[in-house]
Amino acid sequence: MSVMEFAGQQQDIPSRKTGRMALAARVLDWRGDRRKARLEALRERDLELQIARLRAVGGL
């Protein structure tokens, strides 16, 4: 193995690792966004149910 091949391999390994880390960060960010959207939908549904309950008992 030549010095140039060795240097190329050494530079390739961190770039692959960086790529995997970037992909993992994007996946986690996507999951976080989905979780936030799901929680927001649950909160909205809960508020709608509370309003419906108040209307049913004449409190609103």
C-alpha atoms as a PDB file:
ATOM      1  CA  MET A   1       0.000   0.000   0.000  1.00  0.00           C
ATOM      2  CA  SER A   2       1.365   3.345  -0.953  1.00  0.00           C
ATOM      3  CA  VAL A   3       1.401   6.384   1.269  1.00  0.00           C
ATOM      4  CA  MET A   4      -1.229   8.038  -0.930  1.00  0.00           C
ATOM      5  CA  GLU A   5      -3.587   5.037  -0.648  1.00  0.00           C
ATOM      6  CA  PHE A   6      -3.120   4.975   3.119  1.00  0.00           C
ATOM      7  CA  ALA A   7      -3.833   8.699   3.374  1.00  0.00           C
ATOM      8  CA  GLY A   8      -6.930   8.273   1.198  1.00  0.00           C
ATOM      9  CA  GLN A   9      -8.250   5.512   3.439  1.00  0.00           C
ATOM     10  CA  GLN A  10      -7.636   7.550   6.573  1.00  0.00           C
ATOM     11  CA  GLN A  11      -9.606  10.467   5.154  1.00  0.00           C
ATOM     12  CA  ASP A  12     -12.405   8.217   3.893  1.00  0.00           C
ATOM     13  CA  ILE A  13     -13.181   6.697   7.290  1.00  0.00           C
ATOM     14  CA  PRO A  14     -14.067   9.960   9.079  1.00  0.00           C
ATOM     15  CA  SER A  15     -16.138  11.128   6.117  1.00  0.00           C
ATOM     16  CA  ARG A  16     -18.180   7.904   6.223  1.00  0.00           C
ATOM     17  CA  LYS A  17     -18.598   8.318   9.961  1.00  0.00           C
ATOM     18  CA  THR A  18     -19.640  11.929   9.489  1.00  0.00           C
ATOM     19  CA  GLY A  19     -22.132  10.857   6.835  1.00  0.00           C
ATOM     20  CA  ARG A  20     -23.641   8.233   9.124  1.00  0.00           C
ATOM     21  CA  MET A  21     -23.872  10.745  11.951  1.00  0.00           C
ATOM     22  CA  ALA A  22     -25.544  13.290   9.670  1.00  0.00           C
ATOM     23  CA  LEU A  23     -28.054  10.680   8.491  1.00  0.00           C
ATOM     24  CA  ALA A  24     -28.770   9.635  12.080  1.00  0.00           C
ATOM     25  CA  ALA A  25     -29.287  13.280  13.041  1.00  0.00           C
ATOM     26  CA  ARG A  26     -31.749  13.742  10.168  1.00  0.00           C
ATOM     27  CA  VAL A  27     -33.667  10.594  11.158  1.00  0.00           C
ATOM     28  CA  LEU A  28     -33.813  11.684  14.794  1.00  0.00           C
ATOM     29  CA  ASP A  29     -34.896  15.175  13.752  1.00  0.00           C
ATOM     30  CA  TRP A  30     -37.620  13.667  11.547  1.00  0.00           C
ATOM     31  CA  ARG A  31     -38.777  11.469  14.415  1.00  0.00           C
ATOM     32  CA  GLY A  32     -38.753  14.475  16.729  1.00  0.00           C
ATOM     33  CA  ASP A  33     -40.850  16.464  14.265  1.00  0.00           C
ATOM     34  CA  ARG A  34     -43.336  13.591  13.961  1.00  0.00           C
ATOM     35  CA  ARG A  35     -43.512  13.309  17.745  1.00  0.00           C
ATOM     36  CA  LYS A  36     -44.116  17.052  18.111  1.00  0.00           C
ATOM     37  CA  ALA A  37     -46.874  16.944  15.491  1.00  0.00           C
ATOM     38  CA  ARG A  38     -48.512  13.954  17.180  1.00  0.00           C
ATOM     39  CA  LEU A  39     -48.390  15.639  20.594  1.00  0.00           C
ATOM     40  CA  GLU A  40     -49.833  18.828  19.130  1.00  0.00           C
ATOM     41  CA  ALA A  41     -52.695  16.854  17.564  1.00  0.00           C
ATOM     42  CA  LEU A  42     -53.363  15.130  20.894  1.00  0.00           C
ATOM     43  CA  ARG A  43     -53.435  18.476  22.729  1.00  0.00           C
ATOM     44  CA  GLU A  44     -55.811  19.912  20.150  1.00  0.00           C
ATOM     45  CA  ARG A  45     -58.106  16.899  20.456  1.00  0.00           C
ATOM     46  CA  ASP A  46     -58.020  17.174  24.247  1.00  0.00           C
ATOM     47  CA  LEU A  47     -59.016  20.844  24.058  1.00  0.00           C
ATOM     48  CA  GLU A  48     -61.863  20.005  21.685  1.00  0.00           C
ATOM     49  CA  LEU A  49     -63.110  17.340  24.113  1.00  0.00           C
ATOM     50  CA  GLN A  50     -62.931  19.781  27.035  1.00  0.00           C
ATOM     51  CA  ILE A  51     -64.929  22.361  25.065  1.00  0.00           C
ATOM     52  CA  ALA A  52     -67.510  19.720  24.152  1.00  0.00           C
ATOM     53  CA  ARG A  53     -67.824  18.704  27.818  1.00  0.00           C
ATOM     54  CA  LEU A  54     -68.284  22.320  28.917  1.00  0.00           C
ATOM     55  CA  ARG A  55     -70.943  22.863  26.262  1.00  0.00           C
ATOM     56  CA  ALA A  56     -72.710  19.668  27.343  1.00  0.00           C
ATOM     57  CA  VAL A  57     -73.024  20.848  30.949  1.00  0.00           C
ATOM     58  CA  GLY A  58     -73.848  24.424  29.944  1.00  0.00           C
ATOM     59  CA  GLY A  59     -70.585  25.937  31.134  1.00  0.00           C
ATOM     60  CA  LEU A  60     -69.693  27.550  27.827  1.00  0.00           C
END
